[in-house]
Amino acid sequence: MRVNQTQETGKIFRLPIAIDIYNGAAKERHKVWIENKSDTFTFSDKEYPDLVNVDGDKVLLCEKKDNKTLDNFIFQYKYAGLYVDRREAIDYCSKHQDDPKAVDLLKAGLKDRFYRLRNFTLSKVDLKRDAVRTAFEPVITDMAAHDPNRTVRARAIEMLGSLDNPAYKSLFTQATSDSSYSVAGNALNALSTIDSAGAYTIAKKLIREPSKGELTTAISGVLIKSGDESNFDAIADNFDKMPLGGEKFQFIAPFANLIGKVSNTEKVKRGVDLIVKFKEAVPEAYRGQTDPFINNALKGIATKKKAAGQQEQADYVNSKLSKGF
């Protein structure tokens, strides 16, 4: 077995590693040091091994390229057993979803005992491939309804929502009342793609109840999509309550789009002020990335207001821009 250190810094590390050699379920461990640009290790065995697992404890901080076959990785998933062992196998098989053996391992990944690996496997399944969709859709449907982990259920629902299949209307509707905000939010978004009227009715109900995270974003998104100006105050309240972060930043564009459609001047001013409030709360180190986006959102509102003959509203937006916003 040869280990090459491929970094181009000129620095060579001296590191202890464990090399596990498997024949069936039986494992033999060899503890060695890698200390040269290229090290070669030779071990005697009675038969060709099923797996040679370098860094058997998976403790090295490194980027590693293994010359393993699909069969090696399938064996590794079943017998090596550590989280990283299983994750490496899932990742490899995700790149070979045209191979039935790889598909079978990914199905095993969807039933892994650790929810993070079930979630990781979901992120790797390519439902755009007809054969893969046929193989995995029933499993993902069951996960969306019954997986014990809310993060996994939320991702499974999100994936089913991308299929635009009306057959899932009942599942999505039921999931909008889930105790997990992420599950309920993804379910509401998924429902809106196949039943916009039903999603709007549910969003109008949920807007009066406590929410945060994905659910808050989903409720506001559905209400904005409806084009009903009467929802503005509730949407603005939701935006104001959202914590500073990427999720709120991503919501600026649809919120600005709604402000551009609202005719009431006081509502428009409130909406613009909330966007400016967000801008001012962004740490100085990140403003170079956020300011151009926020400026463009505000300019878009001003342009729409001027085109609609709402000059007072346009002037108000421009007054904010003239102050460096």
Protein backbone atom coordinates (compact mmCIF):
# COMPACT_ATOMS: atom_id res chain seq x y z
CA MET A 1 0.00 0.00 0.00
CA ARG A 2 1.38 3.39 -1.01
CA VAL A 3 0.56 6.69 0.71
CA ASN A 4 1.47 9.91 -1.08
CA GLN A 5 1.45 13.34 0.53
CA THR A 6 0.22 15.57 -2.31
CA GLN A 7 0.37 19.04 -0.70
CA GLU A 8 2.50 21.51 -2.65
CA THR A 9 3.75 23.53 0.32
CA GLY A 10 7.06 21.70 0.52
CA LYS A 11 6.21 20.64 4.06
CA ILE A 12 6.04 16.91 4.79
CA PHE A 13 4.04 15.76 7.81
CA ARG A 14 4.97 12.92 10.15
CA LEU A 15 1.73 11.29 11.22
CA PRO A 16 0.68 8.06 12.93
CA ILE A 17 -2.14 6.20 11.18
CA ALA A 18 -4.00 2.94 11.55
CA ILE A 19 -4.42 0.71 8.49
CA ASP A 20 -7.21 -1.85 8.83
CA ILE A 21 -7.23 -4.90 6.58
CA TYR A 22 -10.52 -6.78 6.29
CA ASN A 23 -11.20 -10.35 5.27
CA GLY A 24 -14.93 -10.64 5.69
CA ALA A 25 -15.91 -9.24 9.08
CA ALA A 26 -12.46 -10.03 10.51
CA LYS A 27 -10.24 -6.96 10.86
CA GLU A 28 -6.48 -6.81 11.37
CA ARG A 29 -5.05 -3.46 12.40
CA HIS A 30 -1.56 -2.20 11.55
CA LYS A 31 -0.21 0.95 13.19
CA VAL A 32 2.35 2.79 11.06
CA TRP A 33 3.88 6.22 10.53
CA ILE A 34 3.70 8.22 7.33
CA GLU A 35 6.73 10.51 7.25
CA ASN A 36 7.89 10.87 3.66
CA LYS A 37 6.55 12.33 0.45
CA SER A 38 5.73 8.75 -0.51
CA ASP A 39 5.59 5.79 1.89
CA THR A 40 5.04 2.15 0.91
CA PHE A 41 3.76 -0.44 3.37
CA THR A 42 3.64 -4.19 2.73
CA PHE A 43 1.59 -6.69 4.71
CA SER A 44 1.36 -10.45 4.40
CA ASP A 45 -2.02 -12.13 4.08
CA LYS A 46 -3.39 -15.48 3.01
CA GLU A 47 -5.87 -14.01 0.53
CA TYR A 48 -6.68 -10.79 -1.26
CA PRO A 49 -8.45 -8.53 1.27
CA ASP A 50 -12.01 -7.25 0.92
CA LEU A 51 -10.94 -3.80 2.09
CA VAL A 52 -7.83 -1.85 3.01
CA ASN A 53 -9.05 1.04 5.14
CA VAL A 54 -6.45 3.77 5.63
CA ASP A 55 -6.89 5.91 8.75
CA GLY A 56 -9.11 3.29 10.31
CA ASP A 57 -10.12 5.59 13.17
CA LYS A 58 -10.91 8.44 10.73
CA VAL A 59 -9.06 11.01 12.81
CA LEU A 60 -6.70 12.62 10.29
CA LEU A 61 -7.52 16.15 9.22
CA CYS A 62 -6.89 15.82 5.51
CA GLU A 63 -8.29 15.65 2.00
CA LYS A 64 -7.93 12.06 0.92
CA LYS A 65 -8.21 10.33 -2.42
CA ASP A 66 -8.77 6.58 -2.15
CA ASN A 67 -8.27 4.20 -5.04
CA LYS A 68 -11.17 1.98 -4.03
CA THR A 69 -13.76 0.21 -6.13
CA LEU A 70 -17.52 0.37 -5.73
CA ASP A 71 -17.41 -3.07 -4.10
CA ASN A 72 -14.77 -1.82 -1.65
CA PHE A 73 -16.98 1.09 -0.60
CA ILE A 74 -20.05 -1.12 -0.25
CA PHE A 75 -18.02 -3.41 2.00
CA GLN A 76 -16.73 -0.39 3.94
CA TYR A 77 -20.27 0.80 4.62
CA LYS A 78 -21.31 -2.58 5.98
CA TYR A 79 -18.25 -3.56 8.00
CA ALA A 80 -16.02 -0.56 8.80
CA GLY A 81 -18.97 1.14 10.36
CA LEU A 82 -17.77 4.54 11.60
CA TYR A 83 -19.71 7.64 10.59
CA VAL A 84 -17.01 8.80 8.16
CA ASP A 85 -16.65 5.30 6.72
CA ARG A 86 -20.34 5.22 5.89
CA ARG A 87 -20.39 8.79 4.64
CA GLU A 88 -17.48 8.15 2.27
CA ALA A 89 -19.31 5.13 0.87
CA ILE A 90 -22.55 7.06 0.37
CA ASP A 91 -20.70 9.91 -1.30
CA TYR A 92 -18.93 7.54 -3.71
CA CYS A 93 -22.13 5.71 -4.60
CA SER A 94 -23.94 8.99 -5.23
CA LYS A 95 -21.61 9.51 -8.19
CA HIS A 96 -22.65 6.16 -9.68
CA GLN A 97 -26.45 6.25 -9.55
CA ASP A 98 -26.62 4.37 -12.84
CA ASP A 99 -25.23 1.27 -11.10
CA PRO A 100 -27.79 -0.95 -9.30
CA LYS A 101 -25.32 -1.82 -6.56
CA ALA A 102 -24.71 1.85 -5.83
CA VAL A 103 -28.46 2.48 -5.78
CA ASP A 104 -28.91 -0.34 -3.25
CA LEU A 105 -26.31 1.20 -0.95
CA LEU A 106 -28.00 4.60 -1.19
CA LYS A 107 -31.25 2.94 -0.16
CA ALA A 108 -29.41 1.57 2.85
CA GLY A 109 -28.15 5.08 3.54
CA LEU A 110 -31.74 6.32 3.69
CA LYS A 111 -32.30 3.86 6.53
CA ASP A 112 -29.01 4.51 8.31
CA ARG A 113 -29.24 4.55 12.10
CA PHE A 114 -27.84 8.09 12.25
CA TYR A 115 -30.17 10.83 11.03
CA ARG A 116 -27.35 12.99 9.65
CA LEU A 117 -26.41 10.22 7.24
CA ARG A 118 -30.04 9.73 6.22
CA ASN A 119 -30.18 13.45 5.54
CA PHE A 120 -26.85 13.37 3.70
CA THR A 121 -28.08 10.52 1.50
CA LEU A 122 -31.25 12.45 0.66
CA SER A 123 -29.11 15.38 -0.48
CA LYS A 124 -27.28 13.07 -2.89
CA VAL A 125 -30.27 11.34 -4.51
CA ASP A 126 -30.85 12.68 -8.04
CA LEU A 127 -34.61 12.58 -8.65
CA LYS A 128 -34.15 14.14 -12.09
CA ARG A 129 -33.12 10.69 -13.31
CA ASP A 130 -36.24 8.68 -14.13
CA ALA A 131 -34.81 5.36 -12.94
CA VAL A 132 -33.58 6.89 -9.69
CA ARG A 133 -36.91 8.59 -9.10
CA THR A 134 -38.75 5.31 -9.60
CA ALA A 135 -36.42 3.54 -7.17
CA PHE A 136 -36.40 6.16 -4.44
CA GLU A 137 -39.72 8.00 -4.51
CA PRO A 138 -41.62 5.43 -2.38
CA VAL A 139 -38.82 5.40 0.21
CA ILE A 140 -38.66 9.20 0.37
CA THR A 141 -42.45 9.39 0.69
CA ASP A 142 -42.32 7.11 3.70
CA MET A 143 -39.50 9.19 5.21
CA ALA A 144 -41.49 12.40 4.72
CA ALA A 145 -44.33 10.95 6.75
CA HIS A 146 -42.62 8.77 9.31
CA ASP A 147 -38.90 9.49 9.81
CA PRO A 148 -38.33 10.15 13.53
CA ASN A 149 -36.04 13.11 12.84
CA ARG A 150 -37.61 16.44 11.87
CA THR A 151 -34.62 17.54 9.76
CA VAL A 152 -34.91 14.41 7.64
CA ARG A 153 -38.69 14.76 7.29
CA ALA A 154 -38.26 18.37 6.22
CA ARG A 155 -35.74 17.50 3.50
CA ALA A 156 -37.83 14.57 2.27
CA ILE A 157 -40.88 16.84 1.96
CA GLU A 158 -38.80 19.44 0.13
CA MET A 159 -37.67 16.78 -2.37
CA LEU A 160 -41.22 15.56 -2.94
CA GLY A 161 -42.31 19.15 -3.44
CA SER A 162 -39.88 19.49 -6.34
CA LEU A 163 -41.85 16.80 -8.19
CA ASP A 164 -45.05 18.93 -8.50
CA ASN A 165 -47.15 15.82 -7.91
CA PRO A 166 -50.77 16.49 -6.76
CA ALA A 167 -50.82 13.02 -5.21
CA TYR A 168 -48.90 14.46 -2.24
CA LYS A 169 -51.46 17.15 -1.44
CA SER A 170 -52.79 15.31 1.61
CA LEU A 171 -49.30 14.59 2.96
CA PHE A 172 -48.20 18.22 2.55
CA THR A 173 -51.41 19.59 4.05
CA GLN A 174 -51.09 17.40 7.12
CA ALA A 175 -47.42 18.28 7.55
CA THR A 176 -48.16 22.04 7.67
CA SER A 177 -49.39 21.44 11.23
CA ASP A 178 -46.21 19.60 12.27
CA SER A 179 -44.62 20.80 15.53
CA SER A 180 -41.35 21.33 13.63
CA TYR A 181 -41.18 24.74 11.94
CA SER A 182 -38.86 23.37 9.27
CA VAL A 183 -41.21 20.51 8.42
CA ALA A 184 -44.28 22.77 8.39
CA GLY A 185 -42.49 25.44 6.34
CA ASN A 186 -41.26 23.01 3.69
CA ALA A 187 -44.71 21.42 3.56
CA LEU A 188 -46.38 24.79 3.01
CA ASN A 189 -43.95 25.63 0.22
CA ALA A 190 -44.49 22.21 -1.36
CA LEU A 191 -48.27 22.56 -1.12
CA SER A 192 -48.16 25.97 -2.77
CA THR A 193 -46.72 24.44 -5.95
CA ILE A 194 -49.71 22.11 -6.41
CA ASP A 195 -52.53 23.91 -4.58
CA SER A 196 -51.88 27.64 -4.26
CA ALA A 197 -55.39 28.36 -2.96
CA GLY A 198 -55.11 25.70 -0.26
CA ALA A 199 -51.66 26.94 0.75
CA TYR A 200 -52.96 30.51 0.96
CA THR A 201 -55.81 29.47 3.25
CA ILE A 202 -53.38 27.68 5.56
CA ALA A 203 -50.90 30.57 5.50
CA LYS A 204 -53.66 33.00 6.54
CA LYS A 205 -54.33 30.76 9.53
CA LEU A 206 -50.68 30.20 10.44
CA ILE A 207 -49.82 33.91 10.27
CA ARG A 208 -51.80 34.36 13.51
CA GLU A 209 -49.80 31.68 15.34
CA PRO A 210 -46.19 31.66 16.63
CA SER A 211 -43.63 30.75 13.98
CA LYS A 212 -39.99 31.19 13.05
CA GLY A 213 -37.38 29.95 10.62
CA GLU A 214 -38.56 28.13 7.52
CA LEU A 215 -42.21 28.41 8.52
CA THR A 216 -42.09 32.21 8.88
CA THR A 217 -40.42 32.48 5.48
CA ALA A 218 -42.89 30.09 3.87
CA ILE A 219 -45.94 31.88 5.29
CA SER A 220 -44.72 35.25 4.07
CA GLY A 221 -43.76 33.82 0.69
CA VAL A 222 -47.20 32.31 0.12
CA LEU A 223 -48.95 35.50 1.21
CA ILE A 224 -46.74 37.63 -1.05
CA LYS A 225 -47.40 35.33 -3.97
CA SER A 226 -51.14 35.84 -3.50
CA GLY A 227 -50.77 39.54 -4.30
CA ASP A 228 -53.26 40.49 -1.58
CA GLU A 229 -52.19 43.86 -0.15
CA SER A 230 -54.23 43.24 3.00
CA ASN A 231 -51.52 40.83 4.13
CA PHE A 232 -48.82 43.50 4.17
CA ASP A 233 -48.84 44.26 7.91
CA ALA A 234 -48.57 40.59 8.86
CA ILE A 235 -45.74 40.03 6.36
CA ALA A 236 -43.92 43.15 7.57
CA ASP A 237 -44.27 41.96 11.16
CA ASN A 238 -42.80 38.59 10.18
CA PHE A 239 -39.89 40.26 8.40
CA ASP A 240 -39.20 42.48 11.39
CA LYS A 241 -39.17 39.52 13.80
CA MET A 242 -36.83 37.40 11.69
CA PRO A 243 -33.33 37.22 13.22
CA LEU A 244 -30.43 38.84 11.44
CA GLY A 245 -28.97 36.29 9.04
CA GLY A 246 -28.94 34.77 5.60
CA GLU A 247 -32.58 33.76 5.69
CA LYS A 248 -33.72 37.33 6.29
CA PHE A 249 -31.29 38.62 3.67
CA GLN A 250 -32.75 36.24 1.09
CA PHE A 251 -36.23 37.45 1.94
CA ILE A 252 -35.45 41.07 1.01
CA ALA A 253 -36.09 40.52 -2.71
CA PRO A 254 -39.67 39.18 -2.37
CA PHE A 255 -40.43 41.70 0.40
CA ALA A 256 -39.22 44.56 -1.79
CA ASN A 257 -41.31 43.20 -4.65
CA LEU A 258 -44.38 43.35 -2.40
CA ILE A 259 -43.58 46.92 -1.30
CA GLY A 260 -43.42 47.88 -4.96
CA LYS A 261 -47.03 46.72 -5.39
CA VAL A 262 -48.49 48.27 -2.22
CA SER A 263 -50.36 51.55 -2.79
CA ASN A 264 -50.68 52.79 0.81
CA THR A 265 -47.92 55.32 1.45
CA GLU A 266 -47.55 54.62 5.16
CA LYS A 267 -47.18 50.90 4.49
CA VAL A 268 -44.59 51.58 1.82
CA LYS A 269 -42.59 53.78 4.18
CA ARG A 270 -42.74 51.15 6.89
CA GLY A 271 -41.53 48.46 4.52
CA VAL A 272 -38.66 50.60 3.28
CA ASP A 273 -37.70 51.49 6.86
CA LEU A 274 -37.57 47.80 7.79
CA ILE A 275 -35.19 47.09 4.91
CA VAL A 276 -33.00 50.02 5.96
CA LYS A 277 -33.11 48.78 9.56
CA PHE A 278 -31.81 45.42 8.36
CA LYS A 279 -29.07 47.12 6.36
CA GLU A 280 -27.88 49.07 9.38
CA ALA A 281 -27.81 45.92 11.52
CA VAL A 282 -25.44 44.07 9.18
CA PRO A 283 -21.89 44.02 10.61
CA GLU A 284 -19.51 46.39 8.84
CA ALA A 285 -17.34 43.51 7.61
CA TYR A 286 -20.19 42.11 5.50
CA ARG A 287 -21.67 45.30 4.08
CA GLY A 288 -19.55 45.16 0.97
CA GLN A 289 -21.51 42.04 0.05
CA THR A 290 -24.96 43.08 1.26
CA ASP A 291 -25.14 46.80 0.42
CA PRO A 292 -25.23 46.45 -3.40
CA PHE A 293 -28.08 43.94 -3.17
CA ILE A 294 -30.08 46.09 -0.73
CA ASN A 295 -29.47 49.23 -2.81
CA ASN A 296 -30.75 47.48 -5.93
CA ALA A 297 -33.85 46.30 -4.06
CA LEU A 298 -34.61 49.85 -2.93
CA LYS A 299 -33.91 51.28 -6.39
CA GLY A 300 -36.34 48.74 -7.82
CA ILE A 301 -39.06 49.96 -5.46
CA ALA A 302 -38.38 53.59 -6.39
CA THR A 303 -38.53 52.78 -10.11
CA LYS A 304 -41.88 51.01 -9.74
CA LYS A 305 -43.33 53.85 -7.70
CA LYS A 306 -42.25 56.48 -10.20
CA ALA A 307 -43.67 54.46 -13.09
CA ALA A 308 -46.99 54.16 -11.20
CA GLY A 309 -47.13 57.92 -10.64
CA GLN A 310 -46.58 57.54 -6.88
CA GLN A 311 -43.93 60.24 -6.69
CA GLU A 312 -44.13 60.81 -2.94
CA GLN A 313 -43.30 57.16 -2.32
CA ALA A 314 -40.51 57.21 -4.90
CA ASP A 315 -39.03 60.32 -3.29
CA TYR A 316 -39.10 58.66 0.12
CA VAL A 317 -37.15 55.65 -1.16
CA ASN A 318 -34.68 57.91 -2.95
CA SER A 319 -34.18 59.93 0.25
CA LYS A 320 -32.94 56.76 1.90
CA LEU A 321 -30.64 55.99 -1.02
CA SER A 322 -29.19 59.52 -0.93
CA LYS A 323 -28.10 58.88 2.67
CA GLY A 324 -25.88 56.05 1.58
CA PHE A 325 -28.46 53.31 1.44
